[in-house]
């Protein structure tokens, strides 16, 4: 496994790697990451119906193929992207911003894929609000400090305790992928009693875990919608593989249209790839709720994450707009 120090060293090298445009030849196989959960349903629709391959063939690539690689969290995807293990990843805004900063623009977004709400669930009766958490409590998040959930907790802490106390909840967070956190929440003897969950795991916990309740959510903390999943890549890869990048964008557009037109078909793709046994009708109802119905391709709320990361010193360069860390194909959209 790639260590974080090695990844950051790779990120620094990436910022200064020249692209031999005159001799560039596009790859025949694209490697894309995926994570579990209905939050990433556009990816599952794209994978199931080979939408990237479809658009790549239309663009003129000969016998294009896509390899999908599973990851439990965004931190592992960061490392894999910088190490060259994957070409395109899909995860949270924080990971994109941090890599954009550390590579001096060597990593940029392609397009967003979902702005679903994230819910902090607890089965601890005394925890009704964030102010009820105390030393010894454990909150499961996908990646400590750098996941969207961890950053949301930092933003909330800064509002509650002051900007210099943004890390008030950091010591309570424990790194655990959503499926494992769900299992832990169902175990009455497990130390994990709270989980900042992504769909559908918040739904499963509210259904299956005695005493489970919502403490807060991403909309309450950030004050509006926020992108939870987006495709991004290195600018080196984008420069040398423009047809693949255009195909990812076109596939995301088509997946969004498929979800809107045929939610049952889309849910079946998710169920198959995730081996989720939940009834199709239940999941269709879930994705039709306001918390799960935004599959916009333009970034939302990302500048609020940038402001937070820059304010605490984690991100050295403050972007002027989302256009700084996204490729031109979304610049004409109403992103923020």
C-alpha atoms as a PDB file:
ATOM      1  CA  UNK A   1       0.000   0.000   0.000  1.00  0.00           C
ATOM      2  CA  UNK A   2       1.210   3.488  -0.805  1.00  0.00           C
ATOM      3  CA  UNK A   3       2.051   5.521   2.303  1.00  0.00           C
ATOM      4  CA  UNK A   4       0.813   9.101   2.609  1.00  0.00           C
ATOM      5  CA  UNK A   5       4.340  10.548   2.550  1.00  0.00           C
ATOM      6  CA  UNK A   6       5.048   8.687  -0.689  1.00  0.00           C
ATOM      7  CA  UNK A   7       1.779   9.939  -2.131  1.00  0.00           C
ATOM      8  CA  UNK A   8       2.588  13.553  -1.337  1.00  0.00           C
ATOM      9  CA  UNK A   9       6.071  13.134  -2.801  1.00  0.00           C
ATOM     10  CA  UNK A  10       4.409  11.765  -5.911  1.00  0.00           C
ATOM     11  CA  UNK A  11       2.017  14.692  -5.937  1.00  0.00           C
ATOM     12  CA  UNK A  12       4.898  17.147  -5.858  1.00  0.00           C
ATOM     13  CA  UNK A  13       6.601  15.346  -8.722  1.00  0.00           C
ATOM     14  CA  UNK A  14       3.356  15.338 -10.659  1.00  0.00           C
ATOM     15  CA  UNK A  15       3.205  19.113 -10.560  1.00  0.00           C
ATOM     16  CA  UNK A  16       6.427  19.341 -12.553  1.00  0.00           C
ATOM     17  CA  UNK A  17       6.018  16.429 -14.958  1.00  0.00           C
ATOM     18  CA  UNK A  18       6.119  17.695 -18.554  1.00  0.00           C
ATOM     19  CA  UNK A  19       3.576  16.314 -20.997  1.00  0.00           C
ATOM     20  CA  UNK A  20       5.103  15.213 -24.341  1.00  0.00           C
ATOM     21  CA  UNK A  21       2.093  16.353 -26.377  1.00  0.00           C
ATOM     22  CA  UNK A  22       3.660  15.753 -29.783  1.00  0.00           C
ATOM     23  CA  UNK A  23       4.191  12.064 -29.005  1.00  0.00           C
ATOM     24  CA  UNK A  24       1.135  11.439 -26.813  1.00  0.00           C
ATOM     25  CA  UNK A  25      -1.021   8.418 -27.636  1.00  0.00           C
ATOM     26  CA  UNK A  26      -4.286   7.705 -25.870  1.00  0.00           C
ATOM     27  CA  UNK A  27      -4.598   4.566 -23.760  1.00  0.00           C
ATOM     28  CA  UNK A  28      -6.824   1.723 -24.878  1.00  0.00           C
ATOM     29  CA  UNK A  29      -7.921   0.867 -21.329  1.00  0.00           C
ATOM     30  CA  UNK A  30      -9.186   3.366 -18.749  1.00  0.00           C
ATOM     31  CA  UNK A  31      -9.001   2.536 -15.031  1.00  0.00           C
ATOM     32  CA  UNK A  32     -11.707   4.143 -12.887  1.00  0.00           C
ATOM     33  CA  UNK A  33     -12.331   3.913  -9.149  1.00  0.00           C
ATOM     34  CA  UNK A  34     -15.643   3.278  -7.450  1.00  0.00           C
ATOM     35  CA  UNK A  35     -16.948   3.235  -3.884  1.00  0.00           C
ATOM     36  CA  UNK A  36     -19.913   1.348  -2.398  1.00  0.00           C
ATOM     37  CA  UNK A  37     -23.269   2.981  -1.840  1.00  0.00           C
ATOM     38  CA  UNK A  38     -26.227   4.378  -3.746  1.00  0.00           C
ATOM     39  CA  UNK A  39     -24.563   7.795  -3.456  1.00  0.00           C
ATOM     40  CA  UNK A  40     -22.402   6.586  -6.370  1.00  0.00           C
ATOM     41  CA  UNK A  41     -25.284   5.248  -8.469  1.00  0.00           C
ATOM     42  CA  UNK A  42     -24.268   7.226 -11.596  1.00  0.00           C
ATOM     43  CA  UNK A  43     -21.002   5.250 -11.588  1.00  0.00           C
ATOM     44  CA  UNK A  44     -22.866   1.969 -11.280  1.00  0.00           C
ATOM     45  CA  UNK A  45     -25.139   2.906 -14.180  1.00  0.00           C
ATOM     46  CA  UNK A  46     -22.084   3.900 -16.224  1.00  0.00           C
ATOM     47  CA  UNK A  47     -20.361   0.617 -15.398  1.00  0.00           C
ATOM     48  CA  UNK A  48     -23.386  -1.625 -15.939  1.00  0.00           C
ATOM     49  CA  UNK A  49     -24.260  -0.192 -19.342  1.00  0.00           C
ATOM     50  CA  UNK A  50     -20.661   0.474 -20.455  1.00  0.00           C
ATOM     51  CA  UNK A  51     -21.392   4.125 -21.136  1.00  0.00           C
ATOM     52  CA  UNK A  52     -17.762   5.270 -21.107  1.00  0.00           C
ATOM     53  CA  UNK A  53     -16.838   2.576 -23.633  1.00  0.00           C
ATOM     54  CA  UNK A  54     -19.829   3.597 -25.771  1.00  0.00           C
ATOM     55  CA  UNK A  55     -18.777   7.234 -25.952  1.00  0.00           C
ATOM     56  CA  UNK A  56     -15.087   6.398 -26.320  1.00  0.00           C
ATOM     57  CA  UNK A  57     -15.895   4.259 -29.374  1.00  0.00           C
ATOM     58  CA  UNK A  58     -17.950   7.125 -30.809  1.00  0.00           C
ATOM     59  CA  UNK A  59     -14.955   9.405 -30.249  1.00  0.00           C
ATOM     60  CA  UNK A  60     -12.785   7.123 -32.365  1.00  0.00           C
ATOM     61  CA  UNK A  61     -10.894   5.023 -29.821  1.00  0.00           C
ATOM     62  CA  UNK A  62     -10.357   1.480 -31.079  1.00  0.00           C
ATOM     63  CA  UNK A  63     -11.752  -1.311 -28.840  1.00  0.00           C
ATOM     64  CA  UNK A  64     -11.888   0.854 -25.690  1.00  0.00           C
ATOM     65  CA  UNK A  65     -12.216  -0.935 -22.359  1.00  0.00           C
ATOM     66  CA  UNK A  66     -12.765   0.278 -18.809  1.00  0.00           C
ATOM     67  CA  UNK A  67     -11.439  -1.399 -15.678  1.00  0.00           C
ATOM     68  CA  UNK A  68     -13.268  -0.574 -12.440  1.00  0.00           C
ATOM     69  CA  UNK A  69     -11.390  -0.746  -9.133  1.00  0.00           C
ATOM     70  CA  UNK A  70     -13.162  -0.647  -5.744  1.00  0.00           C
ATOM     71  CA  UNK A  71     -11.986   1.497  -2.814  1.00  0.00           C
ATOM     72  CA  UNK A  72     -13.456   1.907   0.664  1.00  0.00           C
ATOM     73  CA  UNK A  73     -12.650   5.614   1.000  1.00  0.00           C
ATOM     74  CA  UNK A  74     -11.414   8.730  -0.753  1.00  0.00           C
ATOM     75  CA  UNK A  75      -7.987   8.733   0.877  1.00  0.00           C
ATOM     76  CA  UNK A  76      -7.061   5.437  -0.780  1.00  0.00           C
ATOM     77  CA  UNK A  77      -8.251   6.822  -4.108  1.00  0.00           C
ATOM     78  CA  UNK A  78      -6.008   9.868  -3.718  1.00  0.00           C
ATOM     79  CA  UNK A  79      -3.002   7.651  -3.251  1.00  0.00           C
ATOM     80  CA  UNK A  80      -3.925   5.430  -6.195  1.00  0.00           C
ATOM     81  CA  UNK A  81      -4.396   8.400  -8.537  1.00  0.00           C
ATOM     82  CA  UNK A  82      -1.034   9.938  -7.692  1.00  0.00           C
ATOM     83  CA  UNK A  83       0.713   6.555  -7.890  1.00  0.00           C
ATOM     84  CA  UNK A  84      -0.775   5.935 -11.351  1.00  0.00           C
ATOM     85  CA  UNK A  85      -2.840   2.962 -10.223  1.00  0.00           C
ATOM     86  CA  UNK A  86      -6.027   4.547 -11.548  1.00  0.00           C
ATOM     87  CA  UNK A  87      -6.673   7.152 -14.234  1.00  0.00           C
ATOM     88  CA  UNK A  88      -9.924   8.662 -12.969  1.00  0.00           C
ATOM     89  CA  UNK A  89     -11.407   8.669  -9.458  1.00  0.00           C
ATOM     90  CA  UNK A  90     -14.767   9.665  -8.037  1.00  0.00           C
ATOM     91  CA  UNK A  91     -14.931  10.908  -4.464  1.00  0.00           C
ATOM     92  CA  UNK A  92     -15.472  14.009  -2.309  1.00  0.00           C
ATOM     93  CA  UNK A  93     -14.642  17.679  -2.796  1.00  0.00           C
ATOM     94  CA  UNK A  94     -11.983  17.736  -0.085  1.00  0.00           C
ATOM     95  CA  UNK A  95      -9.843  15.140  -1.830  1.00  0.00           C
ATOM     96  CA  UNK A  96     -10.046  17.044  -5.107  1.00  0.00           C
ATOM     97  CA  UNK A  97      -9.136  20.359  -3.486  1.00  0.00           C
ATOM     98  CA  UNK A  98      -6.211  18.968  -1.521  1.00  0.00           C
ATOM     99  CA  UNK A  99      -4.705  17.236  -4.541  1.00  0.00           C
ATOM    100  CA  UNK A 100      -5.252  20.316  -6.734  1.00  0.00           C
ATOM    101  CA  UNK A 101      -3.380  22.370  -4.141  1.00  0.00           C
ATOM    102  CA  UNK A 102      -0.553  19.924  -3.466  1.00  0.00           C
ATOM    103  CA  UNK A 103       0.093  19.282  -7.149  1.00  0.00           C
ATOM    104  CA  UNK A 104      -0.135  23.000  -7.992  1.00  0.00           C
ATOM    105  CA  UNK A 105      -2.983  22.405 -10.385  1.00  0.00           C
ATOM    106  CA  UNK A 106      -1.834  18.940 -11.479  1.00  0.00           C
ATOM    107  CA  UNK A 107      -5.182  17.397 -10.517  1.00  0.00           C
ATOM    108  CA  UNK A 108      -8.556  18.770 -11.648  1.00  0.00           C
ATOM    109  CA  UNK A 109     -12.209  17.818 -11.682  1.00  0.00           C
ATOM    110  CA  UNK A 110     -14.034  16.545 -14.744  1.00  0.00           C
ATOM    111  CA  UNK A 111     -17.623  16.869 -13.522  1.00  0.00           C
ATOM    112  CA  UNK A 112     -19.762  16.280 -10.449  1.00  0.00           C
ATOM    113  CA  UNK A 113     -22.014  13.236 -10.127  1.00  0.00           C
ATOM    114  CA  UNK A 114     -24.138  13.704  -6.983  1.00  0.00           C
ATOM    115  CA  UNK A 115     -25.024  16.203  -4.269  1.00  0.00           C
ATOM    116  CA  UNK A 116     -26.832  13.827  -1.911  1.00  0.00           C
ATOM    117  CA  UNK A 117     -27.187  14.724   1.750  1.00  0.00           C
ATOM    118  CA  UNK A 118     -24.934  13.108   4.377  1.00  0.00           C
ATOM    119  CA  UNK A 119     -26.433  12.285   7.779  1.00  0.00           C
ATOM    120  CA  UNK A 120     -24.696  11.927  11.141  1.00  0.00           C
ATOM    121  CA  UNK A 121     -26.493   9.011  12.819  1.00  0.00           C
ATOM    122  CA  UNK A 122     -26.125   8.050  16.486  1.00  0.00           C
ATOM    123  CA  UNK A 123     -27.528   5.196  18.564  1.00  0.00           C
ATOM    124  CA  UNK A 124     -26.347   6.836  21.800  1.00  0.00           C
ATOM    125  CA  UNK A 125     -29.493   8.175  23.561  1.00  0.00           C
ATOM    126  CA  UNK A 126     -27.751  11.149  25.208  1.00  0.00           C
ATOM    127  CA  UNK A 127     -26.392  12.480  21.898  1.00  0.00           C
ATOM    128  CA  UNK A 128     -29.080  14.711  20.445  1.00  0.00           C
ATOM    129  CA  UNK A 129     -26.815  17.400  18.958  1.00  0.00           C
ATOM    130  CA  UNK A 130     -23.142  17.922  18.182  1.00  0.00           C
ATOM    131  CA  UNK A 131     -22.668  19.644  21.544  1.00  0.00           C
ATOM    132  CA  UNK A 132     -23.488  16.338  23.288  1.00  0.00           C
ATOM    133  CA  UNK A 133     -20.366  14.547  22.004  1.00  0.00           C
ATOM    134  CA  UNK A 134     -17.657  14.152  24.625  1.00  0.00           C
ATOM    135  CA  UNK A 135     -14.270  12.524  25.078  1.00  0.00           C
ATOM    136  CA  UNK A 136     -14.475   8.789  24.478  1.00  0.00           C
ATOM    137  CA  UNK A 137     -17.254   8.949  21.904  1.00  0.00           C
ATOM    138  CA  UNK A 138     -16.425   7.515  18.482  1.00  0.00           C
ATOM    139  CA  UNK A 139     -17.713   8.789  15.140  1.00  0.00           C
ATOM    140  CA  UNK A 140     -17.083   6.621  12.089  1.00  0.00           C
ATOM    141  CA  UNK A 141     -16.000   8.544   8.969  1.00  0.00           C
ATOM    142  CA  UNK A 142     -14.572   7.198   5.679  1.00  0.00           C
ATOM    143  CA  UNK A 143     -11.197   8.935   6.169  1.00  0.00           C
ATOM    144  CA  UNK A 144     -10.109  10.917   9.231  1.00  0.00           C
ATOM    145  CA  UNK A 145      -9.457  14.636   8.671  1.00  0.00           C
ATOM    146  CA  UNK A 146      -9.726  14.617   4.863  1.00  0.00           C
ATOM    147  CA  UNK A 147     -13.063  12.940   4.063  1.00  0.00           C
ATOM    148  CA  UNK A 148     -16.086  15.131   3.370  1.00  0.00           C
ATOM    149  CA  UNK A 149     -17.625  13.951   6.632  1.00  0.00           C
ATOM    150  CA  UNK A 150     -14.508  14.808   8.655  1.00  0.00           C
ATOM    151  CA  UNK A 151     -14.346  18.256   7.079  1.00  0.00           C
ATOM    152  CA  UNK A 152     -18.025  18.869   7.794  1.00  0.00           C
ATOM    153  CA  UNK A 153     -17.339  18.132  11.453  1.00  0.00           C
ATOM    154  CA  UNK A 154     -14.458  20.621  11.343  1.00  0.00           C
ATOM    155  CA  UNK A 155     -16.694  23.285   9.804  1.00  0.00           C
ATOM    156  CA  UNK A 156     -19.311  22.677  12.478  1.00  0.00           C
ATOM    157  CA  UNK A 157     -16.698  22.851  15.248  1.00  0.00           C
ATOM    158  CA  UNK A 158     -15.388  26.170  13.910  1.00  0.00           C
ATOM    159  CA  UNK A 159     -18.906  27.619  14.106  1.00  0.00           C
ATOM    160  CA  UNK A 160     -19.561  26.203  17.563  1.00  0.00           C
ATOM    161  CA  UNK A 161     -16.242  26.824  19.316  1.00  0.00           C
ATOM    162  CA  UNK A 162     -14.441  29.401  17.160  1.00  0.00           C
ATOM    163  CA  UNK A 163     -12.158  29.125  14.106  1.00  0.00           C
ATOM    164  CA  UNK A 164      -9.136  28.019  16.143  1.00  0.00           C
ATOM    165  CA  UNK A 165     -11.140  25.093  17.590  1.00  0.00           C
ATOM    166  CA  UNK A 166     -12.022  23.598  14.195  1.00  0.00           C
ATOM    167  CA  UNK A 167     -10.397  20.276  15.164  1.00  0.00           C
ATOM    168  CA  UNK A 168     -12.521  19.827  18.294  1.00  0.00           C
ATOM    169  CA  UNK A 169     -14.131  16.647  16.938  1.00  0.00           C
ATOM    170  CA  UNK A 170     -11.064  15.224  15.156  1.00  0.00           C
ATOM    171  CA  UNK A 171     -10.045  13.085  18.119  1.00  0.00           C
ATOM    172  CA  UNK A 172     -13.477  11.432  18.120  1.00  0.00           C
ATOM    173  CA  UNK A 173     -13.345  10.285  14.495  1.00  0.00           C
ATOM    174  CA  UNK A 174     -12.435   6.740  13.512  1.00  0.00           C
ATOM    175  CA  UNK A 175     -11.700   5.660   9.947  1.00  0.00           C
ATOM    176  CA  UNK A 176     -14.203   3.060   8.781  1.00  0.00           C
ATOM    177  CA  UNK A 177     -15.794   2.451   5.398  1.00  0.00           C
ATOM    178  CA  UNK A 178     -19.578   2.871   5.261  1.00  0.00           C
ATOM    179  CA  UNK A 179     -20.425  -0.854   4.987  1.00  0.00           C
ATOM    180  CA  UNK A 180     -18.204  -1.690   7.975  1.00  0.00           C
ATOM    181  CA  UNK A 181     -19.567   1.247   9.958  1.00  0.00           C
ATOM    182  CA  UNK A 182     -23.094   0.002   9.310  1.00  0.00           C
ATOM    183  CA  UNK A 183     -22.143  -3.433  10.675  1.00  0.00           C
ATOM    184  CA  UNK A 184     -20.559  -1.791  13.725  1.00  0.00           C
ATOM    185  CA  UNK A 185     -23.650   0.317  14.367  1.00  0.00           C
ATOM    186  CA  UNK A 186     -25.809  -2.842  14.432  1.00  0.00           C
ATOM    187  CA  UNK A 187     -23.548  -4.451  17.044  1.00  0.00           C
ATOM    188  CA  UNK A 188     -24.756  -3.273  20.477  1.00  0.00           C
ATOM    189  CA  UNK A 189     -21.346  -3.961  22.065  1.00  0.00           C
ATOM    190  CA  UNK A 190     -19.236  -2.171  19.447  1.00  0.00           C
ATOM    191  CA  UNK A 191     -17.517   1.084  20.443  1.00  0.00           C
ATOM    192  CA  UNK A 192     -18.763   2.804  17.286  1.00  0.00           C
ATOM    193  CA  UNK A 193     -22.099   4.328  18.293  1.00  0.00           C
ATOM    194  CA  UNK A 194     -22.204   7.159  15.742  1.00  0.00           C
ATOM    195  CA  UNK A 195     -21.601   7.215  11.989  1.00  0.00           C
ATOM    196  CA  UNK A 196     -21.502  10.128   9.535  1.00  0.00           C
ATOM    197  CA  UNK A 197     -23.190   8.105   6.827  1.00  0.00           C
ATOM    198  CA  UNK A 198     -23.667   8.401   3.091  1.00  0.00           C
ATOM    199  CA  UNK A 199     -26.771   6.944   1.396  1.00  0.00           C
ATOM    200  CA  UNK A 200     -28.071   4.293   1.613  1.00  0.00           C
ATOM    201  CA  UNK A 201     -26.336   3.482   4.890  1.00  0.00           C
ATOM    202  CA  UNK A 202     -28.100   6.205   6.878  1.00  0.00           C
ATOM    203  CA  UNK A 203     -31.392   4.681   5.736  1.00  0.00           C
ATOM    204  CA  UNK A 204     -30.298   1.168   6.741  1.00  0.00           C
ATOM    205  CA  UNK A 205     -29.155   2.369  10.155  1.00  0.00           C
ATOM    206  CA  UNK A 206     -32.381   4.259  10.824  1.00  0.00           C
ATOM    207  CA  UNK A 207     -34.251   1.076   9.852  1.00  0.00           C
ATOM    208  CA  UNK A 208     -32.086  -1.586  11.491  1.00  0.00           C
ATOM    209  CA  UNK A 209     -30.342  -0.023  14.503  1.00  0.00           C
ATOM    210  CA  UNK A 210     -32.390   0.347  17.698  1.00  0.00           C
ATOM    211  CA  UNK A 211     -32.390   3.937  18.910  1.00  0.00           C
ATOM    212  CA  UNK A 212     -30.771   5.320  15.750  1.00  0.00           C
ATOM    213  CA  UNK A 213     -31.507   9.001  15.128  1.00  0.00           C
ATOM    214  CA  UNK A 214     -30.187  11.887  13.046  1.00  0.00           C
ATOM    215  CA  UNK A 215     -27.936  14.302  14.934  1.00  0.00           C
ATOM    216  CA  UNK A 216     -27.225  16.667  12.030  1.00  0.00           C
ATOM    217  CA  UNK A 217     -26.624  16.584   8.287  1.00  0.00           C
ATOM    218  CA  UNK A 218     -24.472  18.164   5.601  1.00  0.00           C
ATOM    219  CA  UNK A 219     -27.106  20.717   4.589  1.00  0.00           C
ATOM    220  CA  UNK A 220     -27.433  22.032   8.157  1.00  0.00           C
ATOM    221  CA  UNK A 221     -23.668  22.363   8.517  1.00  0.00           C
ATOM    222  CA  UNK A 222     -22.793  23.885   5.149  1.00  0.00           C
ATOM    223  CA  UNK A 223     -26.012  25.833   4.622  1.00  0.00           C
ATOM    224  CA  UNK A 224     -27.045  24.253   1.327  1.00  0.00           C
ATOM    225  CA  UNK A 225     -26.305  21.587  -1.238  1.00  0.00           C
ATOM    226  CA  UNK A 226     -22.774  20.231  -1.538  1.00  0.00           C
ATOM    227  CA  UNK A 227     -21.240  17.895  -4.087  1.00  0.00           C
ATOM    228  CA  UNK A 228     -20.403  14.523  -2.523  1.00  0.00           C
ATOM    229  CA  UNK A 229     -19.039  12.776  -5.585  1.00  0.00           C
ATOM    230  CA  UNK A 230     -17.147  14.015  -8.618  1.00  0.00           C
ATOM    231  CA  UNK A 231     -14.858  12.602 -11.258  1.00  0.00           C
ATOM    232  CA  UNK A 232     -11.311  13.941 -11.304  1.00  0.00           C
ATOM    233  CA  UNK A 233      -7.968  13.100 -12.849  1.00  0.00           C
ATOM    234  CA  UNK A 234      -4.460  14.432 -13.339  1.00  0.00           C
ATOM    235  CA  UNK A 235      -4.021  17.214 -15.874  1.00  0.00           C
ATOM    236  CA  UNK A 236      -1.235  15.151 -17.407  1.00  0.00           C
ATOM    237  CA  UNK A 237      -3.716  12.351 -18.112  1.00  0.00           C
ATOM    238  CA  UNK A 238      -6.349  14.807 -19.346  1.00  0.00           C
ATOM    239  CA  UNK A 239      -3.879  16.438 -21.736  1.00  0.00           C
ATOM    240  CA  UNK A 240      -2.764  13.139 -23.253  1.00  0.00           C
ATOM    241  CA  UNK A 241      -6.184  11.432 -23.234  1.00  0.00           C
ATOM    242  CA  UNK A 242      -8.788  14.038 -24.231  1.00  0.00           C
ATOM    243  CA  UNK A 243     -11.131  11.484 -25.809  1.00  0.00           C
ATOM    244  CA  UNK A 244     -11.304   9.472 -22.599  1.00  0.00           C
ATOM    245  CA  UNK A 245     -12.024  12.604 -20.555  1.00  0.00           C
ATOM    246  CA  UNK A 246     -14.769  13.698 -22.964  1.00  0.00           C
ATOM    247  CA  UNK A 247     -16.192  10.169 -22.773  1.00  0.00           C
ATOM    248  CA  UNK A 248     -16.332  10.243 -18.962  1.00  0.00           C
ATOM    249  CA  UNK A 249     -18.222  13.537 -19.118  1.00  0.00           C
ATOM    250  CA  UNK A 250     -20.627  12.241 -21.795  1.00  0.00           C
ATOM    251  CA  UNK A 251     -21.184   9.046 -19.792  1.00  0.00           C
ATOM    252  CA  UNK A 252     -22.019  11.091 -16.678  1.00  0.00           C
ATOM    253  CA  UNK A 253     -24.535  13.117 -18.682  1.00  0.00           C
ATOM    254  CA  UNK A 254     -26.171   9.973 -20.018  1.00  0.00           C
ATOM    255  CA  UNK A 255     -26.240   8.293 -16.603  1.00  0.00           C
ATOM    256  CA  UNK A 256     -28.006  11.359 -15.146  1.00  0.00           C
ATOM    257  CA  UNK A 257     -30.624  11.121 -17.894  1.00  0.00           C
ATOM    258  CA  UNK A 258     -31.101   7.369 -17.332  1.00  0.00           C
ATOM    259  CA  UNK A 259     -31.645   7.861 -13.581  1.00  0.00           C
ATOM    260  CA  UNK A 260     -34.262  10.543 -14.258  1.00  0.00           C
ATOM    261  CA  UNK A 261     -36.067   8.550 -16.953  1.00  0.00           C
ATOM    262  CA  UNK A 262     -35.860   5.050 -15.481  1.00  0.00           C
ATOM    263  CA  UNK A 263     -35.054   4.956 -11.740  1.00  0.00           C
ATOM    264  CA  UNK A 264     -35.922   1.243 -11.520  1.00  0.00           C
ATOM    265  CA  UNK A 265     -33.346   0.379 -14.181  1.00  0.00           C
ATOM    266  CA  UNK A 266     -30.777   2.544 -12.407  1.00  0.00           C
ATOM    267  CA  UNK A 267     -31.444   0.971  -9.015  1.00  0.00           C
ATOM    268  CA  UNK A 268     -31.059  -2.500 -10.513  1.00  0.00           C
ATOM    269  CA  UNK A 269     -27.594  -1.542 -11.772  1.00  0.00           C
ATOM    270  CA  UNK A 270     -26.687  -0.347  -8.271  1.00  0.00           C
ATOM    271  CA  UNK A 271     -28.099  -3.494  -6.615  1.00  0.00           C
ATOM    272  CA  UNK A 272     -26.197  -5.798  -8.950  1.00  0.00           C
ATOM    273  CA  UNK A 273     -22.799  -4.146  -8.589  1.00  0.00           C
ATOM    274  CA  UNK A 274     -23.126  -3.606  -4.815  1.00  0.00           C
ATOM    275  CA  UNK A 275     -24.866  -6.933  -4.137  1.00  0.00           C
ATOM    276  CA  UNK A 276     -27.531  -4.996  -2.236  1.00  0.00           C
ATOM    277  CA  UNK A 277     -30.550  -7.173  -1.426  1.00  0.00           C
ATOM    278  CA  UNK A 278     -32.822  -4.252  -0.519  1.00  0.00           C
ATOM    279  CA  UNK A 279     -36.071  -4.271  -2.489  1.00  0.00           C
ATOM    280  CA  UNK A 280     -35.965  -2.249  -5.694  1.00  0.00           C
ATOM    281  CA  UNK A 281     -39.134  -0.337  -4.769  1.00  0.00           C
ATOM    282  CA  UNK A 282     -37.612   0.771  -1.457  1.00  0.00           C
ATOM    283  CA  UNK A 283     -34.471   2.087  -3.143  1.00  0.00           C
ATOM    284  CA  UNK A 284     -36.471   3.826  -5.856  1.00  0.00           C
ATOM    285  CA  UNK A 285     -38.423   5.661  -3.159  1.00  0.00           C
ATOM    286  CA  UNK A 286     -35.138   6.587  -1.485  1.00  0.00           C
ATOM    287  CA  UNK A 287     -33.558   8.129  -4.583  1.00  0.00           C
ATOM    288  CA  UNK A 288     -36.702  10.161  -5.238  1.00  0.00           C
ATOM    289  CA  UNK A 289     -36.414  11.984  -1.909  1.00  0.00           C
ATOM    290  CA  UNK A 290     -34.973  15.540  -1.925  1.00  0.00           C
ATOM    291  CA  UNK A 291     -31.915  14.228  -0.075  1.00  0.00           C
ATOM    292  CA  UNK A 292     -31.099  11.846  -2.920  1.00  0.00           C
ATOM    293  CA  UNK A 293     -32.433  13.394  -6.127  1.00  0.00           C
ATOM    294  CA  UNK A 294     -29.646  15.794  -7.134  1.00  0.00           C
ATOM    295  CA  UNK A 295     -27.353  14.214  -9.743  1.00  0.00           C
ATOM    296  CA  UNK A 296     -26.088  17.544 -11.116  1.00  0.00           C
ATOM    297  CA  UNK A 297     -22.862  17.603 -13.137  1.00  0.00           C
ATOM    298  CA  UNK A 298     -21.818  21.039 -11.887  1.00  0.00           C
ATOM    299  CA  UNK A 299     -20.011  21.391  -8.529  1.00  0.00           C
ATOM    300  CA  UNK A 300     -21.974  22.697  -5.535  1.00  0.00           C
ATOM    301  CA  UNK A 301     -20.631  24.052  -2.255  1.00  0.00           C
ATOM    302  CA  UNK A 302     -17.036  23.229  -3.159  1.00  0.00           C
ATOM    303  CA  UNK A 303     -15.774  26.758  -2.563  1.00  0.00           C
ATOM    304  CA  UNK A 304     -17.021  26.533   1.037  1.00  0.00           C
ATOM    305  CA  UNK A 305     -14.744  23.538   1.516  1.00  0.00           C
ATOM    306  CA  UNK A 306     -11.907  25.490  -0.121  1.00  0.00           C
ATOM    307  CA  UNK A 307     -12.453  28.424   2.238  1.00  0.00           C
ATOM    308  CA  UNK A 308     -12.378  26.099   5.244  1.00  0.00           C
ATOM    309  CA  UNK A 309      -9.245  24.254   4.148  1.00  0.00           C
ATOM    310  CA  UNK A 310      -7.452  27.492   3.333  1.00  0.00           C
ATOM    311  CA  UNK A 311      -8.482  29.111   6.614  1.00  0.00           C
ATOM    312  CA  UNK A 312      -7.058  26.256   8.713  1.00  0.00           C
ATOM    313  CA  UNK A 313      -3.872  26.151   6.626  1.00  0.00           C
ATOM    314  CA  UNK A 314      -4.393  22.700   5.127  1.00  0.00           C
ATOM    315  CA  UNK A 315      -4.734  24.147   1.633  1.00  0.00           C
ATOM    316  CA  UNK A 316      -2.107  26.784   0.837  1.00  0.00           C
ATOM    317  CA  UNK A 317      -3.616  28.252  -2.338  1.00  0.00           C
ATOM    318  CA  UNK A 318      -7.084  29.795  -2.235  1.00  0.00           C
ATOM    319  CA  UNK A 319      -8.855  29.374  -5.601  1.00  0.00           C
ATOM    320  CA  UNK A 320     -10.822  32.273  -7.059  1.00  0.00           C
ATOM    321  CA  UNK A 321     -13.646  29.973  -8.239  1.00  0.00           C
ATOM    322  CA  UNK A 322     -14.409  26.329  -8.986  1.00  0.00           C
ATOM    323  CA  UNK A 323     -13.014  26.930 -12.485  1.00  0.00           C
ATOM    324  CA  UNK A 324      -9.504  26.879 -11.023  1.00  0.00           C
ATOM    325  CA  UNK A 325      -9.773  23.209 -10.012  1.00  0.00           C
ATOM    326  CA  UNK A 326     -12.156  21.946 -12.702  1.00  0.00           C
ATOM    327  CA  UNK A 327     -11.430  21.255 -16.359  1.00  0.00           C
ATOM    328  CA  UNK A 328     -13.035  23.638 -18.900  1.00  0.00           C
ATOM    329  CA  UNK A 329     -15.965  21.371 -19.820  1.00  0.00           C
ATOM    330  CA  UNK A 330     -17.982  22.547 -16.773  1.00  0.00           C
ATOM    331  CA  UNK A 331     -16.856  26.183 -16.768  1.00  0.00           C
ATOM    332  CA  UNK A 332     -20.053  27.277 -18.494  1.00  0.00           C
ATOM    333  CA  UNK A 333     -22.211  25.755 -15.752  1.00  0.00           C
ATOM    334  CA  UNK A 334     -23.484  27.514 -12.649  1.00  0.00           C
ATOM    335  CA  UNK A 335     -21.046  25.847 -10.241  1.00  0.00           C
ATOM    336  CA  UNK A 336     -19.881  27.114  -6.876  1.00  0.00           C
END
